Amino acid sequence: MQDSTPTVESLDWLDAIRWTDDGLVPAIAQDATTGDILMMAWMNREALALTAAEGRAVYWSRSRGKLWRKGESSGHRQRIVEVRLDCDEDVVLLKVEQEGGIACHTGRRSCFYRRLEDGQWASVDPVLRDPGEIYGTNHGGSQDE
């Protein structure tokens, strides 16, 4: 796969994005090799600019009101292979290499581990590593690391 990690000289490209009223855009992280959807999080302008500049995923934590670099506490970083913008210019797709094979704070590969079965949500993907081992026993149950 061709690595097209952006090199960022000017930040004018950020103006093309249709940000929400609170200055955010949803960002979907997708495994660049398998195509699996790993997670969704929010980005503000600074997070997206840093993601492009650093070549690793940086998100905006709405609950904490601050930037968070994916994997800063878990070690499960996301290396950016490609950044795309959808046709409506209001969703960002990050094609990533997921370090450690775990993207979800629950210790699973993907945050999309539940499937609708007979009117109930069933967990269908295994926990690869106990979150208590990853974050310590006091982890609050949010994907924001």
N, C-alpha and C. Protein backbone atom coordinates (compact mmCIF):
# COMPACT_ATOMS: atom_id res chain seq x y z
N MET A 1 0.85 -1.18 0.00
CA MET A 1 0.00 0.00 0.00
C MET A 1 0.88 1.23 0.00
N GLN A 2 0.52 2.16 -0.85
CA GLN A 2 1.28 3.40 -0.93
C GLN A 2 1.01 4.24 0.29
N ASP A 3 2.06 4.72 0.90
CA ASP A 3 1.92 5.58 2.07
C ASP A 3 1.74 7.01 1.58
N SER A 4 0.57 7.58 1.85
CA SER A 4 0.31 8.96 1.43
C SER A 4 0.06 9.85 2.63
N THR A 5 0.80 9.59 3.72
CA THR A 5 0.69 10.45 4.90
C THR A 5 0.94 11.89 4.47
N PRO A 6 0.03 12.78 4.80
CA PRO A 6 0.17 14.16 4.32
C PRO A 6 1.38 14.87 4.91
N THR A 7 2.01 15.64 4.06
CA THR A 7 3.01 16.58 4.55
C THR A 7 2.33 17.94 4.52
N VAL A 8 2.36 18.62 5.64
CA VAL A 8 1.53 19.80 5.79
C VAL A 8 2.41 21.05 5.87
N GLU A 9 2.28 21.88 4.86
CA GLU A 9 2.98 23.16 4.85
C GLU A 9 2.01 24.25 5.29
N SER A 10 0.85 24.29 4.65
CA SER A 10 -0.17 25.28 4.92
C SER A 10 -1.37 24.57 5.55
N LEU A 11 -2.16 25.27 6.33
CA LEU A 11 -3.34 24.68 6.95
C LEU A 11 -4.63 25.07 6.23
N ASP A 12 -4.52 25.61 5.01
CA ASP A 12 -5.70 26.02 4.24
C ASP A 12 -6.64 24.85 3.98
N TRP A 13 -6.13 23.65 3.89
CA TRP A 13 -6.95 22.47 3.61
C TRP A 13 -8.00 22.24 4.69
N LEU A 14 -7.76 22.74 5.89
CA LEU A 14 -8.73 22.61 6.98
C LEU A 14 -10.01 23.41 6.71
N ASP A 15 -9.91 24.44 5.89
CA ASP A 15 -11.07 25.28 5.58
C ASP A 15 -12.10 24.56 4.72
N ALA A 16 -11.72 23.49 4.06
CA ALA A 16 -12.64 22.73 3.22
C ALA A 16 -13.60 21.87 4.04
N ILE A 17 -13.27 21.67 5.31
CA ILE A 17 -14.08 20.78 6.15
C ILE A 17 -15.29 21.54 6.68
N ARG A 18 -16.43 20.86 6.68
CA ARG A 18 -17.67 21.42 7.25
C ARG A 18 -17.73 21.00 8.71
N TRP A 19 -17.22 21.85 9.57
CA TRP A 19 -17.15 21.59 11.00
C TRP A 19 -18.54 21.73 11.61
N THR A 20 -18.82 21.01 12.70
CA THR A 20 -20.07 21.18 13.42
C THR A 20 -20.09 22.57 14.06
N ASP A 21 -21.23 22.96 14.59
CA ASP A 21 -21.35 24.27 15.24
C ASP A 21 -20.37 24.43 16.40
N ASP A 22 -19.99 23.29 17.03
CA ASP A 22 -19.02 23.38 18.13
C ASP A 22 -17.59 23.11 17.66
N GLY A 23 -17.35 23.19 16.34
CA GLY A 23 -15.99 23.13 15.81
C GLY A 23 -15.40 21.75 15.72
N LEU A 24 -16.24 20.74 15.58
CA LEU A 24 -15.75 19.35 15.53
C LEU A 24 -16.12 18.69 14.21
N VAL A 25 -15.43 17.60 13.92
CA VAL A 25 -15.75 16.74 12.79
C VAL A 25 -15.58 15.29 13.25
N PRO A 26 -16.52 14.39 12.88
CA PRO A 26 -16.33 12.99 13.23
C PRO A 26 -15.19 12.40 12.41
N ALA A 27 -14.40 11.55 13.06
CA ALA A 27 -13.28 10.89 12.40
C ALA A 27 -13.41 9.38 12.60
N ILE A 28 -13.39 8.66 11.52
CA ILE A 28 -13.47 7.20 11.56
C ILE A 28 -12.07 6.66 11.34
N ALA A 29 -11.63 5.76 12.22
CA ALA A 29 -10.34 5.10 12.07
C ALA A 29 -10.57 3.73 11.46
N GLN A 30 -9.90 3.47 10.34
CA GLN A 30 -10.04 2.22 9.60
C GLN A 30 -8.67 1.58 9.45
N ASP A 31 -8.60 0.26 9.66
CA ASP A 31 -7.35 -0.46 9.46
C ASP A 31 -6.97 -0.35 7.98
N ALA A 32 -5.80 0.18 7.70
CA ALA A 32 -5.37 0.42 6.33
C ALA A 32 -5.15 -0.87 5.55
N THR A 33 -4.89 -1.97 6.23
CA THR A 33 -4.65 -3.23 5.55
C THR A 33 -5.91 -4.05 5.36
N THR A 34 -6.69 -4.21 6.43
CA THR A 34 -7.86 -5.09 6.37
C THR A 34 -9.14 -4.37 5.98
N GLY A 35 -9.19 -3.06 6.16
CA GLY A 35 -10.41 -2.31 5.91
C GLY A 35 -11.37 -2.32 7.08
N ASP A 36 -11.04 -3.01 8.17
CA ASP A 36 -11.91 -3.06 9.35
C ASP A 36 -12.07 -1.66 9.94
N ILE A 37 -13.31 -1.32 10.33
CA ILE A 37 -13.55 -0.06 11.04
C ILE A 37 -13.18 -0.30 12.50
N LEU A 38 -12.28 0.52 13.03
CA LEU A 38 -11.78 0.33 14.38
C LEU A 38 -12.50 1.19 15.42
N MET A 39 -12.77 2.44 15.08
CA MET A 39 -13.38 3.34 16.06
C MET A 39 -13.83 4.62 15.38
N MET A 40 -14.59 5.40 16.11
CA MET A 40 -14.98 6.74 15.70
C MET A 40 -14.70 7.66 16.88
N ALA A 41 -14.17 8.82 16.58
CA ALA A 41 -13.93 9.83 17.61
C ALA A 41 -14.09 11.19 16.96
N TRP A 42 -13.94 12.23 17.75
CA TRP A 42 -14.10 13.59 17.26
C TRP A 42 -12.75 14.27 17.14
N MET A 43 -12.66 15.20 16.19
CA MET A 43 -11.46 16.02 16.02
C MET A 43 -11.88 17.48 15.90
N ASN A 44 -11.05 18.36 16.45
CA ASN A 44 -11.19 19.78 16.16
C ASN A 44 -10.08 20.14 15.17
N ARG A 45 -10.00 21.39 14.79
CA ARG A 45 -8.98 21.80 13.80
C ARG A 45 -7.57 21.46 14.27
N GLU A 46 -7.30 21.73 15.54
CA GLU A 46 -5.95 21.47 16.06
C GLU A 46 -5.63 19.98 16.02
N ALA A 47 -6.59 19.15 16.41
CA ALA A 47 -6.37 17.70 16.42
C ALA A 47 -6.08 17.19 15.01
N LEU A 48 -6.85 17.65 14.03
CA LEU A 48 -6.64 17.19 12.66
C LEU A 48 -5.31 17.71 12.10
N ALA A 49 -4.99 18.95 12.40
CA ALA A 49 -3.71 19.50 11.95
C ALA A 49 -2.54 18.74 12.56
N LEU A 50 -2.63 18.43 13.87
CA LEU A 50 -1.57 17.67 14.53
C LEU A 50 -1.48 16.24 13.99
N THR A 51 -2.63 15.65 13.71
CA THR A 51 -2.65 14.30 13.14
C THR A 51 -1.87 14.27 11.83
N ALA A 52 -2.15 15.24 10.96
CA ALA A 52 -1.46 15.31 9.67
C ALA A 52 0.03 15.61 9.85
N ALA A 53 0.36 16.49 10.76
CA ALA A 53 1.75 16.89 10.97
C ALA A 53 2.58 15.79 11.63
N GLU A 54 1.98 15.10 12.61
CA GLU A 54 2.73 14.10 13.39
C GLU A 54 2.67 12.70 12.79
N GLY A 55 1.68 12.45 11.93
CA GLY A 55 1.55 11.11 11.35
C GLY A 55 1.00 10.09 12.32
N ARG A 56 0.32 10.56 13.36
CA ARG A 56 -0.35 9.67 14.32
C ARG A 56 -1.65 10.33 14.75
N ALA A 57 -2.62 9.52 15.13
CA ALA A 57 -3.96 10.02 15.42
C ALA A 57 -4.00 10.84 16.71
N VAL A 58 -4.55 12.03 16.58
CA VAL A 58 -4.81 12.92 17.71
C VAL A 58 -6.28 13.29 17.64
N TYR A 59 -7.00 13.08 18.73
CA TYR A 59 -8.44 13.34 18.77
C TYR A 59 -8.77 14.41 19.79
N TRP A 60 -10.03 14.86 19.77
CA TRP A 60 -10.53 15.82 20.75
C TRP A 60 -11.46 15.07 21.70
N SER A 61 -11.17 15.11 22.98
CA SER A 61 -12.01 14.50 23.99
C SER A 61 -13.09 15.49 24.39
N ARG A 62 -14.34 15.18 24.03
CA ARG A 62 -15.45 16.05 24.42
C ARG A 62 -15.67 16.00 25.93
N SER A 63 -15.47 14.82 26.53
CA SER A 63 -15.72 14.69 27.97
C SER A 63 -14.67 15.43 28.80
N ARG A 64 -13.46 15.47 28.33
CA ARG A 64 -12.39 16.14 29.07
C ARG A 64 -12.08 17.53 28.58
N GLY A 65 -12.57 17.86 27.37
CA GLY A 65 -12.32 19.17 26.80
C GLY A 65 -10.87 19.41 26.46
N LYS A 66 -10.19 18.36 25.96
CA LYS A 66 -8.79 18.52 25.59
C LYS A 66 -8.39 17.50 24.53
N LEU A 67 -7.23 17.75 23.93
CA LEU A 67 -6.69 16.82 22.94
C LEU A 67 -6.24 15.54 23.61
N TRP A 68 -6.34 14.42 22.88
CA TRP A 68 -5.72 13.18 23.35
C TRP A 68 -5.11 12.44 22.18
N ARG A 69 -3.89 12.01 22.37
CA ARG A 69 -3.19 11.23 21.36
C ARG A 69 -3.54 9.77 21.59
N LYS A 70 -4.14 9.16 20.58
CA LYS A 70 -4.54 7.77 20.71
C LYS A 70 -3.33 6.93 21.11
N GLY A 71 -3.50 6.19 22.18
CA GLY A 71 -2.44 5.30 22.65
C GLY A 71 -1.50 5.93 23.65
N GLU A 72 -1.75 7.17 24.08
CA GLU A 72 -0.80 7.81 24.99
C GLU A 72 -0.71 7.10 26.33
N SER A 73 -1.78 6.44 26.77
CA SER A 73 -1.68 5.68 28.02
C SER A 73 -1.68 4.18 27.78
N SER A 74 -2.28 3.73 26.69
CA SER A 74 -2.38 2.28 26.43
C SER A 74 -1.22 1.75 25.60
N GLY A 75 -0.57 2.61 24.83
CA GLY A 75 0.45 2.17 23.89
C GLY A 75 -0.15 1.74 22.55
N HIS A 76 -1.46 1.80 22.41
CA HIS A 76 -2.13 1.37 21.19
C HIS A 76 -2.29 2.55 20.24
N ARG A 77 -1.16 3.03 19.75
CA ARG A 77 -1.14 4.20 18.87
C ARG A 77 -1.68 3.85 17.48
N GLN A 78 -2.09 4.90 16.78
CA GLN A 78 -2.53 4.73 15.40
C GLN A 78 -1.62 5.55 14.50
N ARG A 79 -0.85 4.85 13.66
CA ARG A 79 0.01 5.52 12.68
C ARG A 79 -0.83 5.81 11.45
N ILE A 80 -0.79 7.04 10.99
CA ILE A 80 -1.59 7.47 9.86
C ILE A 80 -0.94 7.03 8.55
N VAL A 81 -1.72 6.33 7.74
CA VAL A 81 -1.29 5.95 6.40
C VAL A 81 -1.89 6.92 5.38
N GLU A 82 -3.16 7.31 5.63
CA GLU A 82 -3.85 8.16 4.69
C GLU A 82 -4.97 8.90 5.42
N VAL A 83 -5.24 10.12 5.01
CA VAL A 83 -6.37 10.90 5.53
C VAL A 83 -7.27 11.24 4.36
N ARG A 84 -8.58 10.94 4.52
CA ARG A 84 -9.55 11.22 3.47
C ARG A 84 -10.71 12.05 4.03
N LEU A 85 -11.40 12.74 3.12
CA LEU A 85 -12.57 13.53 3.46
C LEU A 85 -13.73 13.04 2.60
N ASP A 86 -14.91 12.87 3.21
CA ASP A 86 -16.06 12.35 2.46
C ASP A 86 -16.62 13.42 1.52
N CYS A 87 -17.58 12.99 0.66
CA CYS A 87 -18.13 13.86 -0.38
C CYS A 87 -18.87 15.06 0.18
N ASP A 88 -19.45 14.94 1.37
CA ASP A 88 -20.14 16.07 2.00
C ASP A 88 -19.20 16.96 2.79
N GLU A 89 -17.95 16.57 2.86
CA GLU A 89 -16.90 17.32 3.56
C GLU A 89 -17.17 17.48 5.05
N ASP A 90 -17.87 16.46 5.64
CA ASP A 90 -18.18 16.56 7.07
C ASP A 90 -17.82 15.32 7.87
N VAL A 91 -17.05 14.41 7.28
CA VAL A 91 -16.53 13.24 7.99
C VAL A 91 -15.12 12.96 7.47
N VAL A 92 -14.21 12.71 8.40
CA VAL A 92 -12.83 12.39 8.06
C VAL A 92 -12.62 10.89 8.25
N LEU A 93 -11.92 10.29 7.32
CA LEU A 93 -11.54 8.88 7.41
C LEU A 93 -10.03 8.81 7.58
N LEU A 94 -9.60 8.15 8.65
CA LEU A 94 -8.17 7.93 8.88
C LEU A 94 -7.87 6.47 8.59
N LYS A 95 -7.03 6.21 7.60
CA LYS A 95 -6.56 4.85 7.36
C LYS A 95 -5.29 4.71 8.20
N VAL A 96 -5.31 3.74 9.11
CA VAL A 96 -4.26 3.67 10.12
C VAL A 96 -3.63 2.28 10.20
N GLU A 97 -2.45 2.25 10.76
CA GLU A 97 -1.83 1.02 11.25
C GLU A 97 -2.01 1.06 12.76
N GLN A 98 -2.77 0.10 13.29
CA GLN A 98 -3.11 0.06 14.70
C GLN A 98 -2.04 -0.70 15.47
N GLU A 99 -1.28 0.00 16.29
CA GLU A 99 -0.24 -0.65 17.10
C GLU A 99 -0.88 -1.50 18.18
N GLY A 100 -0.36 -2.69 18.38
CA GLY A 100 -0.84 -3.57 19.43
C GLY A 100 -2.14 -4.29 19.10
N GLY A 101 -2.75 -3.97 17.94
CA GLY A 101 -3.94 -4.68 17.51
C GLY A 101 -5.21 -4.36 18.29
N ILE A 102 -5.16 -3.40 19.21
CA ILE A 102 -6.32 -3.05 20.03
C ILE A 102 -6.61 -1.57 19.84
N ALA A 103 -7.85 -1.25 19.41
CA ALA A 103 -8.24 0.15 19.25
C ALA A 103 -9.24 0.58 20.32
N CYS A 104 -9.96 -0.37 20.91
CA CYS A 104 -11.04 -0.05 21.84
C CYS A 104 -10.56 -0.07 23.30
N HIS A 105 -11.09 0.87 24.09
CA HIS A 105 -10.73 0.93 25.51
C HIS A 105 -11.24 -0.28 26.29
N THR A 106 -12.09 -1.11 25.65
CA THR A 106 -12.57 -2.34 26.30
C THR A 106 -11.60 -3.49 26.12
N GLY A 107 -10.49 -3.25 25.42
CA GLY A 107 -9.50 -4.29 25.18
C GLY A 107 -9.77 -5.11 23.92
N ARG A 108 -10.68 -4.64 23.09
CA ARG A 108 -11.01 -5.32 21.84
C ARG A 108 -10.33 -4.64 20.66
N ARG A 109 -10.26 -5.37 19.56
CA ARG A 109 -9.67 -4.83 18.34
C ARG A 109 -10.42 -3.60 17.85
N SER A 110 -11.75 -3.64 17.88
CA SER A 110 -12.60 -2.58 17.36
C SER A 110 -13.62 -2.15 18.40
N CYS A 111 -14.03 -0.91 18.34
CA CYS A 111 -15.10 -0.42 19.21
C CYS A 111 -16.47 -0.95 18.76
N PHE A 112 -16.54 -1.47 17.56
CA PHE A 112 -17.80 -1.98 17.01
C PHE A 112 -17.88 -3.49 17.21
N TYR A 113 -17.93 -3.90 18.47
CA TYR A 113 -17.90 -5.32 18.83
C TYR A 113 -19.28 -5.88 19.15
N ARG A 114 -20.31 -5.04 19.10
CA ARG A 114 -21.67 -5.50 19.39
C ARG A 114 -22.49 -5.57 18.10
N ARG A 115 -23.27 -6.66 17.98
CA ARG A 115 -24.11 -6.87 16.81
C ARG A 115 -25.55 -7.03 17.27
N LEU A 116 -26.49 -6.47 16.51
CA LEU A 116 -27.90 -6.61 16.82
C LEU A 116 -28.37 -8.00 16.44
N GLU A 117 -28.84 -8.73 17.43
CA GLU A 117 -29.34 -10.09 17.23
C GLU A 117 -30.65 -10.24 17.97
N ASP A 118 -31.73 -10.46 17.23
CA ASP A 118 -33.05 -10.67 17.82
C ASP A 118 -33.43 -9.55 18.79
N GLY A 119 -33.19 -8.31 18.38
CA GLY A 119 -33.60 -7.18 19.19
C GLY A 119 -32.72 -6.90 20.39
N GLN A 120 -31.55 -7.53 20.47
CA GLN A 120 -30.62 -7.33 21.59
C GLN A 120 -29.21 -7.09 21.03
N TRP A 121 -28.43 -6.32 21.76
CA TRP A 121 -27.02 -6.13 21.38
C TRP A 121 -26.20 -7.25 21.99
N ALA A 122 -25.52 -8.00 21.15
CA ALA A 122 -24.69 -9.12 21.60
C ALA A 122 -23.22 -8.81 21.33
N SER A 123 -22.38 -9.00 22.35
CA SER A 123 -20.94 -8.84 22.16
C SER A 123 -20.43 -10.04 21.38
N VAL A 124 -19.86 -9.77 20.21
CA VAL A 124 -19.45 -10.87 19.32
C VAL A 124 -17.95 -10.94 19.09
N ASP A 125 -17.21 -9.95 19.57
CA ASP A 125 -15.76 -9.96 19.41
C ASP A 125 -15.10 -10.09 20.78
N PRO A 126 -14.03 -10.86 20.86
CA PRO A 126 -13.42 -11.13 22.16
C PRO A 126 -12.60 -9.96 22.71
N VAL A 127 -12.47 -9.94 24.03
CA VAL A 127 -11.55 -9.03 24.69
C VAL A 127 -10.16 -9.63 24.50
N LEU A 128 -9.27 -8.87 23.91
CA LEU A 128 -7.91 -9.35 23.65
C LEU A 128 -6.98 -9.12 24.83
N ARG A 129 -7.30 -8.09 25.60
CA ARG A 129 -6.51 -7.79 26.81
C ARG A 129 -7.41 -7.07 27.79
N ASP A 130 -7.36 -7.47 29.03
CA ASP A 130 -8.19 -6.88 30.07
C ASP A 130 -7.88 -5.39 30.21
N PRO A 131 -8.91 -4.53 30.14
CA PRO A 131 -8.67 -3.08 30.27
C PRO A 131 -7.96 -2.71 31.56
N GLY A 132 -8.19 -3.44 32.65
CA GLY A 132 -7.51 -3.17 33.90
C GLY A 132 -6.00 -3.33 33.78
N GLU A 133 -5.57 -4.26 32.94
CA GLU A 133 -4.14 -4.45 32.70
C GLU A 133 -3.57 -3.32 31.83
N ILE A 134 -4.40 -2.82 30.93
CA ILE A 134 -3.96 -1.76 30.02
C ILE A 134 -3.88 -0.41 30.73
N TYR A 135 -4.96 -0.06 31.45
CA TYR A 135 -5.10 1.28 32.00
C TYR A 135 -4.97 1.35 33.51
N GLY A 136 -4.92 0.21 34.18
CA GLY A 136 -4.96 0.19 35.63
C GLY A 136 -6.39 -0.02 36.08
N THR A 137 -6.59 -0.38 37.30
CA THR A 137 -7.90 -0.76 37.80
C THR A 137 -8.88 0.40 37.89
N ASN A 138 -8.44 1.63 37.84
CA ASN A 138 -9.34 2.78 38.00
C ASN A 138 -9.76 3.40 36.68
N HIS A 139 -9.60 2.68 35.57
CA HIS A 139 -9.99 3.25 34.28
C HIS A 139 -11.48 3.49 34.26
N GLY A 140 -11.86 4.70 33.82
CA GLY A 140 -13.25 5.14 33.91
C GLY A 140 -14.18 4.68 32.82
N GLY A 141 -13.78 3.84 31.90
CA GLY A 141 -14.71 3.32 30.92
C GLY A 141 -14.98 4.23 29.73
N SER A 142 -14.06 5.12 29.41
CA SER A 142 -14.22 5.97 28.24
C SER A 142 -13.09 5.68 27.27
N GLN A 143 -13.36 5.87 25.99
CA GLN A 143 -12.30 5.64 25.03
C GLN A 143 -11.23 6.70 25.12
N ASP A 144 -11.53 7.84 25.71
CA ASP A 144 -10.55 8.91 25.83
C ASP A 144 -9.47 8.46 26.81
N GLU A 145 -8.27 8.32 26.28
CA GLU A 145 -7.20 7.78 27.12
C GLU A 145 -6.57 8.84 27.98
